[in-house]
Amino acid sequence: MSNHSITALLHQARNGDATARDALTNALYGELHRLAQIAFQRENPGHTLQPTILVHEAFLRLLKSEGGPQFADRAHFLGLAARVMRQILVDHGRARHAQKRGAQFTVALSDRVEAAASPVTFLELNNALDILGREESDLVSLVEMRFLAGMTAEEVAEVRRESVTKVRRDLRYALARLRMLLSA
């Protein structure tokens, strides 16, 4: 489905059209599920949260917000979806950690397999993202989309309406800042 069609559905759903909201869910569900599957390919095996559960929870939070969905367009929706997925993963990590010490999700902050970055827990990453967000919030959304929602650099560039080169440059900078924060 085209960006224009999704934007039109978002506006109709915002105005209370239940049919548009159902069509929107059908149009975006597959895309979010694909992004969640990509994100989970980076995860350690054996965790209890699955991509389908993550997508369902994200949809519930996004579409059941007070006043209905308030997304300007597809790009805005995907950016918020990445943020909601981050919060779900952090909440799940906190709950698992409270139940069983050490049972936490991890994520590797690397675009390349050969980079072999040591994985960090979502809780550690969340704390570092909070600190980074106080200084440069646009970098946080970039990391959320790329590593937590599993979007490619090209997809992030489309969502942010920036060049792929700029996204990759900003991503390298964001990762360097996060590594410094995580090693401190």
N, C-alpha and C. Protein backbone atom coordinates (compact mmCIF):
# COMPACT_ATOMS: atom_id res chain seq x y z
N MET A 1 0.85 -1.17 0.00
CA MET A 1 0.00 0.00 0.00
C MET A 1 0.90 1.24 0.00
N SER A 2 0.51 2.24 -0.74
CA SER A 2 1.34 3.44 -0.87
C SER A 2 1.31 4.30 0.39
N ASN A 3 2.33 5.14 0.51
CA ASN A 3 2.40 6.07 1.65
C ASN A 3 1.17 6.98 1.68
N HIS A 4 0.74 7.42 0.49
CA HIS A 4 -0.43 8.31 0.40
C HIS A 4 -1.68 7.61 0.92
N SER A 5 -1.88 6.34 0.54
CA SER A 5 -3.05 5.58 1.00
C SER A 5 -3.04 5.40 2.51
N ILE A 6 -1.86 5.09 3.05
CA ILE A 6 -1.76 4.91 4.50
C ILE A 6 -2.02 6.22 5.22
N THR A 7 -1.49 7.32 4.68
CA THR A 7 -1.74 8.63 5.29
C THR A 7 -3.23 8.95 5.28
N ALA A 8 -3.90 8.64 4.18
CA ALA A 8 -5.35 8.88 4.09
C ALA A 8 -6.09 8.04 5.12
N LEU A 9 -5.70 6.76 5.27
CA LEU A 9 -6.33 5.90 6.27
C LEU A 9 -6.09 6.43 7.69
N LEU A 10 -4.89 6.93 7.94
CA LEU A 10 -4.59 7.49 9.26
C LEU A 10 -5.51 8.67 9.58
N HIS A 11 -5.72 9.52 8.60
CA HIS A 11 -6.60 10.68 8.81
C HIS A 11 -8.05 10.24 9.02
N GLN A 12 -8.50 9.25 8.26
CA GLN A 12 -9.86 8.75 8.42
C GLN A 12 -10.04 8.09 9.78
N ALA A 13 -9.05 7.31 10.19
CA ALA A 13 -9.12 6.64 11.50
C ALA A 13 -9.13 7.67 12.62
N ARG A 14 -8.37 8.74 12.46
CA ARG A 14 -8.33 9.79 13.47
C ARG A 14 -9.71 10.44 13.62
N ASN A 15 -10.48 10.47 12.52
CA ASN A 15 -11.81 11.06 12.55
C ASN A 15 -12.88 10.06 13.00
N GLY A 16 -12.44 8.88 13.49
CA GLY A 16 -13.38 7.93 14.06
C GLY A 16 -13.89 6.85 13.12
N ASP A 17 -13.36 6.76 11.92
CA ASP A 17 -13.80 5.76 10.96
C ASP A 17 -13.23 4.39 11.33
N ALA A 18 -14.09 3.51 11.86
CA ALA A 18 -13.65 2.18 12.30
C ALA A 18 -13.19 1.32 11.12
N THR A 19 -13.82 1.48 9.97
CA THR A 19 -13.42 0.72 8.78
C THR A 19 -12.01 1.12 8.36
N ALA A 20 -11.71 2.41 8.43
CA ALA A 20 -10.37 2.89 8.09
C ALA A 20 -9.35 2.37 9.09
N ARG A 21 -9.74 2.33 10.37
CA ARG A 21 -8.82 1.81 11.39
C ARG A 21 -8.51 0.33 11.15
N ASP A 22 -9.52 -0.44 10.77
CA ASP A 22 -9.29 -1.86 10.46
C ASP A 22 -8.40 -2.01 9.22
N ALA A 23 -8.66 -1.21 8.19
CA ALA A 23 -7.83 -1.26 6.98
C ALA A 23 -6.40 -0.84 7.29
N LEU A 24 -6.25 0.15 8.16
CA LEU A 24 -4.93 0.61 8.57
C LEU A 24 -4.18 -0.49 9.30
N THR A 25 -4.87 -1.16 10.21
CA THR A 25 -4.27 -2.27 10.94
C THR A 25 -3.79 -3.34 9.97
N ASN A 26 -4.63 -3.70 9.01
CA ASN A 26 -4.25 -4.72 8.01
C ASN A 26 -3.07 -4.26 7.18
N ALA A 27 -3.04 -2.98 6.82
CA ALA A 27 -1.97 -2.46 5.97
C ALA A 27 -0.63 -2.40 6.69
N LEU A 28 -0.64 -2.07 7.98
CA LEU A 28 0.61 -1.85 8.71
C LEU A 28 1.06 -3.05 9.54
N TYR A 29 0.15 -3.99 9.80
CA TYR A 29 0.50 -5.13 10.63
C TYR A 29 1.67 -5.92 10.05
N GLY A 30 1.60 -6.23 8.78
CA GLY A 30 2.67 -7.00 8.14
C GLY A 30 4.00 -6.30 8.21
N GLU A 31 3.98 -4.99 8.00
CA GLU A 31 5.22 -4.22 8.04
C GLU A 31 5.82 -4.21 9.45
N LEU A 32 4.98 -4.00 10.46
CA LEU A 32 5.48 -4.01 11.83
C LEU A 32 5.96 -5.40 12.23
N HIS A 33 5.27 -6.43 11.79
CA HIS A 33 5.69 -7.79 12.13
C HIS A 33 7.04 -8.10 11.50
N ARG A 34 7.24 -7.66 10.27
CA ARG A 34 8.52 -7.88 9.60
C ARG A 34 9.63 -7.16 10.36
N LEU A 35 9.38 -5.93 10.80
CA LEU A 35 10.38 -5.18 11.56
C LEU A 35 10.67 -5.86 12.90
N ALA A 36 9.63 -6.36 13.55
CA ALA A 36 9.83 -7.05 14.83
C ALA A 36 10.64 -8.33 14.63
N GLN A 37 10.38 -9.05 13.56
CA GLN A 37 11.16 -10.28 13.29
C GLN A 37 12.62 -9.95 13.07
N ILE A 38 12.90 -8.88 12.35
CA ILE A 38 14.28 -8.46 12.13
C ILE A 38 14.94 -8.11 13.46
N ALA A 39 14.24 -7.38 14.30
CA ALA A 39 14.78 -7.01 15.61
C ALA A 39 15.08 -8.24 16.44
N PHE A 40 14.22 -9.25 16.38
CA PHE A 40 14.41 -10.44 17.20
C PHE A 40 15.50 -11.36 16.66
N GLN A 41 15.93 -11.18 15.42
CA GLN A 41 17.06 -11.96 14.91
C GLN A 41 18.34 -11.61 15.65
N ARG A 42 18.38 -10.44 16.26
CA ARG A 42 19.55 -9.98 17.01
C ARG A 42 19.53 -10.46 18.46
N GLU A 43 18.42 -11.05 18.89
CA GLU A 43 18.24 -11.38 20.29
C GLU A 43 18.86 -12.73 20.65
N ASN A 44 19.11 -12.90 21.95
CA ASN A 44 19.55 -14.18 22.46
C ASN A 44 18.39 -15.16 22.40
N PRO A 45 18.64 -16.43 22.10
CA PRO A 45 17.56 -17.41 22.07
C PRO A 45 17.04 -17.67 23.49
N GLY A 46 15.78 -18.07 23.57
CA GLY A 46 15.23 -18.48 24.86
C GLY A 46 14.45 -17.42 25.60
N HIS A 47 14.29 -16.22 25.03
CA HIS A 47 13.50 -15.23 25.75
C HIS A 47 12.02 -15.50 25.52
N THR A 48 11.18 -14.94 26.38
CA THR A 48 9.76 -15.27 26.36
C THR A 48 8.93 -14.38 25.46
N LEU A 49 9.39 -13.20 25.14
CA LEU A 49 8.64 -12.31 24.26
C LEU A 49 8.92 -12.68 22.81
N GLN A 50 7.88 -12.73 22.01
CA GLN A 50 8.01 -13.10 20.60
C GLN A 50 7.60 -11.92 19.73
N PRO A 51 8.05 -11.89 18.46
CA PRO A 51 7.72 -10.77 17.58
C PRO A 51 6.21 -10.51 17.47
N THR A 52 5.41 -11.56 17.36
CA THR A 52 3.97 -11.38 17.22
C THR A 52 3.38 -10.70 18.45
N ILE A 53 3.83 -11.11 19.63
CA ILE A 53 3.35 -10.49 20.86
C ILE A 53 3.77 -9.03 20.92
N LEU A 54 5.01 -8.74 20.52
CA LEU A 54 5.50 -7.37 20.50
C LEU A 54 4.65 -6.50 19.57
N VAL A 55 4.35 -7.00 18.39
CA VAL A 55 3.55 -6.24 17.42
C VAL A 55 2.14 -6.02 17.96
N HIS A 56 1.53 -7.06 18.53
CA HIS A 56 0.17 -6.93 19.06
C HIS A 56 0.12 -5.89 20.18
N GLU A 57 1.07 -5.96 21.08
CA GLU A 57 1.11 -5.01 22.18
C GLU A 57 1.34 -3.59 21.65
N ALA A 58 2.23 -3.45 20.67
CA ALA A 58 2.49 -2.13 20.09
C ALA A 58 1.23 -1.58 19.43
N PHE A 59 0.52 -2.42 18.67
CA PHE A 59 -0.72 -1.97 18.05
C PHE A 59 -1.74 -1.54 19.09
N LEU A 60 -1.86 -2.33 20.15
CA LEU A 60 -2.81 -1.97 21.20
C LEU A 60 -2.49 -0.60 21.78
N ARG A 61 -1.23 -0.37 22.06
CA ARG A 61 -0.84 0.92 22.64
C ARG A 61 -1.00 2.06 21.66
N LEU A 62 -0.67 1.82 20.40
CA LEU A 62 -0.73 2.88 19.40
C LEU A 62 -2.16 3.24 18.98
N LEU A 63 -2.99 2.23 18.78
CA LEU A 63 -4.32 2.47 18.24
C LEU A 63 -5.38 2.69 19.30
N LYS A 64 -5.08 2.35 20.54
CA LYS A 64 -6.06 2.54 21.61
C LYS A 64 -5.73 3.74 22.48
N SER A 65 -4.89 4.62 21.96
CA SER A 65 -4.55 5.81 22.74
C SER A 65 -5.79 6.71 22.86
N GLU A 66 -5.79 7.51 23.89
CA GLU A 66 -6.94 8.40 24.15
C GLU A 66 -7.16 9.31 22.95
N GLY A 67 -8.40 9.36 22.48
CA GLY A 67 -8.72 10.20 21.34
C GLY A 67 -8.44 9.52 20.01
N GLY A 68 -8.05 8.25 20.02
CA GLY A 68 -7.77 7.53 18.79
C GLY A 68 -6.39 7.84 18.26
N PRO A 69 -6.02 7.20 17.16
CA PRO A 69 -4.69 7.39 16.60
C PRO A 69 -4.49 8.82 16.12
N GLN A 70 -3.33 9.39 16.44
CA GLN A 70 -3.03 10.79 16.10
C GLN A 70 -1.74 10.87 15.27
N PHE A 71 -1.67 10.10 14.21
CA PHE A 71 -0.46 10.05 13.41
C PHE A 71 -0.62 10.93 12.18
N ALA A 72 0.41 11.70 11.89
CA ALA A 72 0.36 12.60 10.74
C ALA A 72 0.44 11.82 9.43
N ASP A 73 1.30 10.80 9.40
CA ASP A 73 1.49 10.01 8.19
C ASP A 73 2.19 8.70 8.54
N ARG A 74 2.51 7.91 7.53
CA ARG A 74 3.14 6.61 7.73
C ARG A 74 4.47 6.76 8.48
N ALA A 75 5.26 7.74 8.10
CA ALA A 75 6.56 7.96 8.73
C ALA A 75 6.40 8.24 10.21
N HIS A 76 5.43 9.07 10.56
CA HIS A 76 5.17 9.40 11.96
C HIS A 76 4.73 8.14 12.71
N PHE A 77 3.88 7.34 12.09
CA PHE A 77 3.43 6.09 12.70
C PHE A 77 4.60 5.16 12.99
N LEU A 78 5.47 4.96 11.99
CA LEU A 78 6.60 4.04 12.17
C LEU A 78 7.57 4.54 13.23
N GLY A 79 7.80 5.85 13.27
CA GLY A 79 8.67 6.41 14.31
C GLY A 79 8.11 6.17 15.70
N LEU A 80 6.80 6.39 15.86
CA LEU A 80 6.17 6.14 17.17
C LEU A 80 6.12 4.65 17.48
N ALA A 81 5.93 3.83 16.46
CA ALA A 81 5.91 2.38 16.68
C ALA A 81 7.26 1.91 17.21
N ALA A 82 8.34 2.44 16.69
CA ALA A 82 9.68 2.08 17.18
C ALA A 82 9.83 2.46 18.65
N ARG A 83 9.34 3.64 19.02
CA ARG A 83 9.42 4.09 20.41
C ARG A 83 8.57 3.21 21.32
N VAL A 84 7.37 2.85 20.87
CA VAL A 84 6.49 1.99 21.68
C VAL A 84 7.12 0.61 21.83
N MET A 85 7.71 0.08 20.76
CA MET A 85 8.37 -1.23 20.85
C MET A 85 9.51 -1.17 21.86
N ARG A 86 10.26 -0.08 21.86
CA ARG A 86 11.34 0.08 22.84
C ARG A 86 10.77 0.00 24.25
N GLN A 87 9.71 0.74 24.50
CA GLN A 87 9.14 0.76 25.84
C GLN A 87 8.61 -0.61 26.26
N ILE A 88 8.01 -1.33 25.32
CA ILE A 88 7.51 -2.67 25.62
C ILE A 88 8.68 -3.59 25.99
N LEU A 89 9.75 -3.52 25.21
CA LEU A 89 10.91 -4.38 25.49
C LEU A 89 11.56 -4.01 26.82
N VAL A 90 11.62 -2.72 27.13
CA VAL A 90 12.19 -2.30 28.41
C VAL A 90 11.30 -2.77 29.56
N ASP A 91 9.98 -2.58 29.43
CA ASP A 91 9.05 -3.03 30.47
C ASP A 91 9.17 -4.54 30.68
N HIS A 92 9.27 -5.27 29.58
CA HIS A 92 9.40 -6.73 29.68
C HIS A 92 10.73 -7.10 30.35
N GLY A 93 11.79 -6.41 29.97
CA GLY A 93 13.09 -6.67 30.59
C GLY A 93 13.08 -6.39 32.08
N ARG A 94 12.44 -5.31 32.48
CA ARG A 94 12.35 -4.99 33.91
C ARG A 94 11.55 -6.06 34.66
N ALA A 95 10.45 -6.48 34.07
CA ALA A 95 9.62 -7.50 34.72
C ALA A 95 10.38 -8.82 34.85
N ARG A 96 11.08 -9.22 33.79
CA ARG A 96 11.85 -10.46 33.83
C ARG A 96 12.99 -10.36 34.84
N HIS A 97 13.62 -9.19 34.89
CA HIS A 97 14.73 -9.00 35.82
C HIS A 97 14.22 -9.06 37.26
N ALA A 98 13.05 -8.51 37.49
CA ALA A 98 12.48 -8.55 38.83
C ALA A 98 12.11 -9.98 39.23
N GLN A 99 11.67 -10.78 38.26
CA GLN A 99 11.29 -12.17 38.54
C GLN A 99 12.51 -13.05 38.72
N LYS A 100 13.51 -12.80 37.94
CA LYS A 100 14.65 -13.72 37.90
C LYS A 100 15.89 -12.91 37.55
N ARG A 101 16.74 -12.69 38.50
CA ARG A 101 17.92 -11.87 38.26
C ARG A 101 18.72 -12.38 37.06
N GLY A 102 19.09 -11.44 36.20
CA GLY A 102 19.93 -11.77 35.05
C GLY A 102 19.16 -12.18 33.82
N ALA A 103 17.86 -12.41 33.91
CA ALA A 103 17.08 -12.81 32.74
C ALA A 103 16.63 -11.56 32.00
N GLN A 104 17.50 -11.03 31.16
CA GLN A 104 17.21 -9.79 30.46
C GLN A 104 17.48 -9.95 28.98
N PHE A 105 16.75 -9.18 28.19
CA PHE A 105 17.04 -9.12 26.76
C PHE A 105 18.37 -8.42 26.56
N THR A 106 19.02 -8.75 25.48
CA THR A 106 20.22 -8.01 25.11
C THR A 106 20.08 -7.59 23.65
N VAL A 107 20.81 -6.57 23.30
CA VAL A 107 20.84 -6.10 21.92
C VAL A 107 22.27 -5.74 21.59
N ALA A 108 22.72 -6.12 20.39
CA ALA A 108 24.06 -5.77 19.95
C ALA A 108 23.96 -4.48 19.14
N LEU A 109 24.73 -3.50 19.51
CA LEU A 109 24.71 -2.20 18.83
C LEU A 109 25.73 -2.19 17.71
N SER A 110 25.43 -2.92 16.65
CA SER A 110 26.34 -2.99 15.52
C SER A 110 25.55 -3.21 14.25
N ASP A 111 25.93 -2.51 13.19
CA ASP A 111 25.32 -2.72 11.89
C ASP A 111 25.98 -3.87 11.14
N ARG A 112 27.17 -4.24 11.57
CA ARG A 112 27.91 -5.28 10.87
C ARG A 112 28.19 -6.45 11.80
N VAL A 113 28.00 -7.64 11.27
CA VAL A 113 28.23 -8.84 12.06
C VAL A 113 29.68 -8.91 12.53
N GLU A 114 30.61 -8.54 11.64
CA GLU A 114 32.03 -8.64 11.99
C GLU A 114 32.47 -7.63 13.05
N ALA A 115 31.62 -6.65 13.35
CA ALA A 115 31.99 -5.65 14.35
C ALA A 115 32.01 -6.23 15.75
N ALA A 116 31.26 -7.28 15.98
CA ALA A 116 31.26 -8.03 17.24
C ALA A 116 31.15 -7.13 18.47
N ALA A 117 30.19 -6.23 18.45
CA ALA A 117 29.97 -5.38 19.62
C ALA A 117 29.38 -6.23 20.73
N SER A 118 29.84 -6.00 21.95
CA SER A 118 29.31 -6.79 23.05
C SER A 118 27.87 -6.37 23.32
N PRO A 119 26.98 -7.34 23.51
CA PRO A 119 25.57 -7.01 23.72
C PRO A 119 25.36 -6.38 25.09
N VAL A 120 24.35 -5.52 25.15
CA VAL A 120 23.97 -4.88 26.40
C VAL A 120 22.52 -5.22 26.67
N THR A 121 22.12 -5.13 27.93
CA THR A 121 20.72 -5.39 28.25
C THR A 121 19.87 -4.21 27.79
N PHE A 122 18.58 -4.48 27.59
CA PHE A 122 17.69 -3.39 27.21
C PHE A 122 17.61 -2.35 28.31
N LEU A 123 17.73 -2.77 29.54
CA LEU A 123 17.68 -1.80 30.64
C LEU A 123 18.89 -0.87 30.59
N GLU A 124 20.08 -1.44 30.33
CA GLU A 124 21.28 -0.60 30.19
C GLU A 124 21.14 0.33 28.99
N LEU A 125 20.66 -0.23 27.88
CA LEU A 125 20.47 0.58 26.68
C LEU A 125 19.44 1.67 26.93
N ASN A 126 18.35 1.35 27.60
CA ASN A 126 17.32 2.34 27.89
C ASN A 126 17.87 3.49 28.72
N ASN A 127 18.67 3.17 29.74
CA ASN A 127 19.27 4.23 30.56
C ASN A 127 20.19 5.12 29.72
N ALA A 128 21.00 4.50 28.87
CA ALA A 128 21.90 5.28 28.01
C ALA A 128 21.10 6.12 27.02
N LEU A 129 20.02 5.57 26.47
CA LEU A 129 19.17 6.33 25.55
C LEU A 129 18.50 7.51 26.25
N ASP A 130 18.10 7.31 27.50
CA ASP A 130 17.51 8.42 28.26
C ASP A 130 18.50 9.56 28.43
N ILE A 131 19.75 9.22 28.74
CA ILE A 131 20.79 10.25 28.89
C ILE A 131 21.04 10.93 27.56
N LEU A 132 21.20 10.14 26.50
CA LEU A 132 21.43 10.70 25.17
C LEU A 132 20.24 11.56 24.74
N GLY A 133 19.03 11.14 25.09
CA GLY A 133 17.83 11.88 24.71
C GLY A 133 17.75 13.25 25.32
N ARG A 134 18.34 13.44 26.48
CA ARG A 134 18.35 14.76 27.11
C ARG A 134 19.21 15.73 26.32
N GLU A 135 20.19 15.19 25.60
CA GLU A 135 21.10 16.02 24.82
C GLU A 135 20.72 16.09 23.34
N GLU A 136 20.38 14.94 22.77
CA GLU A 136 20.09 14.87 21.33
C GLU A 136 18.98 13.85 21.07
N SER A 137 17.74 14.28 21.21
CA SER A 137 16.60 13.36 21.11
C SER A 137 16.44 12.76 19.71
N ASP A 138 16.88 13.48 18.67
CA ASP A 138 16.75 12.92 17.33
C ASP A 138 17.61 11.68 17.15
N LEU A 139 18.72 11.58 17.87
CA LEU A 139 19.56 10.39 17.79
C LEU A 139 18.88 9.19 18.45
N VAL A 140 18.09 9.46 19.49
CA VAL A 140 17.38 8.37 20.17
C VAL A 140 16.37 7.73 19.23
N SER A 141 15.61 8.55 18.51
CA SER A 141 14.63 7.97 17.58
C SER A 141 15.32 7.19 16.48
N LEU A 142 16.49 7.63 16.06
CA LEU A 142 17.27 6.90 15.05
C LEU A 142 17.65 5.52 15.57
N VAL A 143 18.17 5.44 16.79
CA VAL A 143 18.57 4.16 17.37
C VAL A 143 17.34 3.27 17.57
N GLU A 144 16.24 3.85 18.02
CA GLU A 144 15.02 3.07 18.22
C GLU A 144 14.56 2.42 16.92
N MET A 145 14.54 3.21 15.86
CA MET A 145 14.09 2.67 14.58
C MET A 145 15.04 1.62 14.04
N ARG A 146 16.34 1.88 14.13
CA ARG A 146 17.33 0.98 13.52
C ARG A 146 17.52 -0.31 14.31
N PHE A 147 17.69 -0.21 15.62
CA PHE A 147 18.05 -1.39 16.39
C PHE A 147 16.90 -2.03 17.15
N LEU A 148 15.93 -1.23 17.56
CA LEU A 148 14.83 -1.82 18.32
C LEU A 148 13.67 -2.22 17.44
N ALA A 149 13.41 -1.46 16.38
CA ALA A 149 12.36 -1.83 15.45
C ALA A 149 12.93 -2.61 14.27
N GLY A 150 14.26 -2.67 14.14
CA GLY A 150 14.88 -3.48 13.10
C GLY A 150 14.78 -2.91 11.70
N MET A 151 14.55 -1.62 11.59
CA MET A 151 14.43 -1.00 10.27
C MET A 151 15.80 -0.87 9.61
N THR A 152 15.82 -0.96 8.29
CA THR A 152 17.07 -0.75 7.56
C THR A 152 17.38 0.74 7.52
N ALA A 153 18.61 1.07 7.15
CA ALA A 153 18.99 2.48 7.02
C ALA A 153 18.13 3.17 5.97
N GLU A 154 17.79 2.45 4.92
CA GLU A 154 16.95 3.00 3.86
C GLU A 154 15.54 3.30 4.39
N GLU A 155 14.99 2.39 5.19
CA GLU A 155 13.67 2.61 5.77
C GLU A 155 13.68 3.79 6.74
N VAL A 156 14.73 3.87 7.55
CA VAL A 156 14.85 4.98 8.49
C VAL A 156 14.94 6.30 7.72
N ALA A 157 15.72 6.30 6.64
CA ALA A 157 15.87 7.52 5.82
C ALA A 157 14.51 7.95 5.26
N GLU A 158 13.72 6.98 4.83
CA GLU A 158 12.39 7.30 4.30
C GLU A 158 11.51 7.89 5.39
N VAL A 159 11.52 7.28 6.56
CA VAL A 159 10.69 7.76 7.66
C VAL A 159 11.12 9.16 8.09
N ARG A 160 12.42 9.38 8.18
CA ARG A 160 12.95 10.67 8.66
C ARG A 160 13.03 11.72 7.56
N ARG A 161 12.78 11.28 6.32
CA ARG A 161 12.86 12.18 5.17
C ARG A 161 14.26 12.80 5.07
N GLU A 162 15.25 11.93 5.19
CA GLU A 162 16.66 12.32 5.09
C GLU A 162 17.35 11.38 4.13
N SER A 163 18.55 11.73 3.73
CA SER A 163 19.31 10.85 2.85
C SER A 163 19.84 9.66 3.64
N VAL A 164 20.06 8.56 2.95
CA VAL A 164 20.60 7.36 3.58
C VAL A 164 22.00 7.67 4.12
N THR A 165 22.76 8.48 3.40
CA THR A 165 24.10 8.85 3.84
C THR A 165 24.05 9.58 5.18
N LYS A 166 23.12 10.52 5.32
CA LYS A 166 22.98 11.26 6.59
C LYS A 166 22.54 10.32 7.71
N VAL A 167 21.62 9.43 7.42
CA VAL A 167 21.17 8.48 8.45
C VAL A 167 22.33 7.61 8.91
N ARG A 168 23.10 7.11 7.99
CA ARG A 168 24.25 6.26 8.36
C ARG A 168 25.29 7.04 9.16
N ARG A 169 25.55 8.27 8.76
CA ARG A 169 26.51 9.11 9.50
C ARG A 169 26.00 9.39 10.91
N ASP A 170 24.74 9.77 11.02
CA ASP A 170 24.15 10.04 12.34
C ASP A 170 24.11 8.77 13.19
N LEU A 171 23.87 7.65 12.56
CA LEU A 171 23.84 6.38 13.29
C LEU A 171 25.22 6.04 13.85
N ARG A 172 26.27 6.24 13.05
CA ARG A 172 27.63 5.99 13.55
C ARG A 172 27.93 6.89 14.75
N TYR A 173 27.53 8.14 14.66
CA TYR A 173 27.73 9.08 15.76
C TYR A 173 26.93 8.65 16.99
N ALA A 174 25.67 8.29 16.79
CA ALA A 174 24.82 7.85 17.91
C ALA A 174 25.40 6.62 18.58
N LEU A 175 25.89 5.67 17.80
CA LEU A 175 26.47 4.45 18.37
C LEU A 175 27.74 4.76 19.15
N ALA A 176 28.54 5.68 18.64
CA ALA A 176 29.76 6.06 19.37
C ALA A 176 29.39 6.70 20.70
N ARG A 177 28.40 7.58 20.68
CA ARG A 177 27.95 8.21 21.93
C ARG A 177 27.39 7.17 22.90
N LEU A 178 26.60 6.24 22.38
CA LEU A 178 26.02 5.21 23.26
C LEU A 178 27.11 4.32 23.86
N ARG A 179 28.08 3.95 23.05
CA ARG A 179 29.17 3.11 23.57
C ARG A 179 29.92 3.84 24.69
N MET A 180 30.12 5.15 24.52
CA MET A 180 30.78 5.92 25.59
C MET A 180 29.92 5.92 26.84
N LEU A 181 28.61 6.14 26.69
CA LEU A 181 27.73 6.16 27.84
C LEU A 181 27.66 4.79 28.52
N LEU A 182 27.65 3.74 27.73
CA LEU A 182 27.55 2.39 28.28
C LEU A 182 28.84 1.93 28.95
N SER A 183 29.96 2.47 28.50
CA SER A 183 31.23 2.06 29.11
C SER A 183 31.57 2.88 30.35
N ALA A 184 30.86 3.98 30.54
CA ALA A 184 31.13 4.85 31.70
C ALA A 184 30.66 4.20 33.00
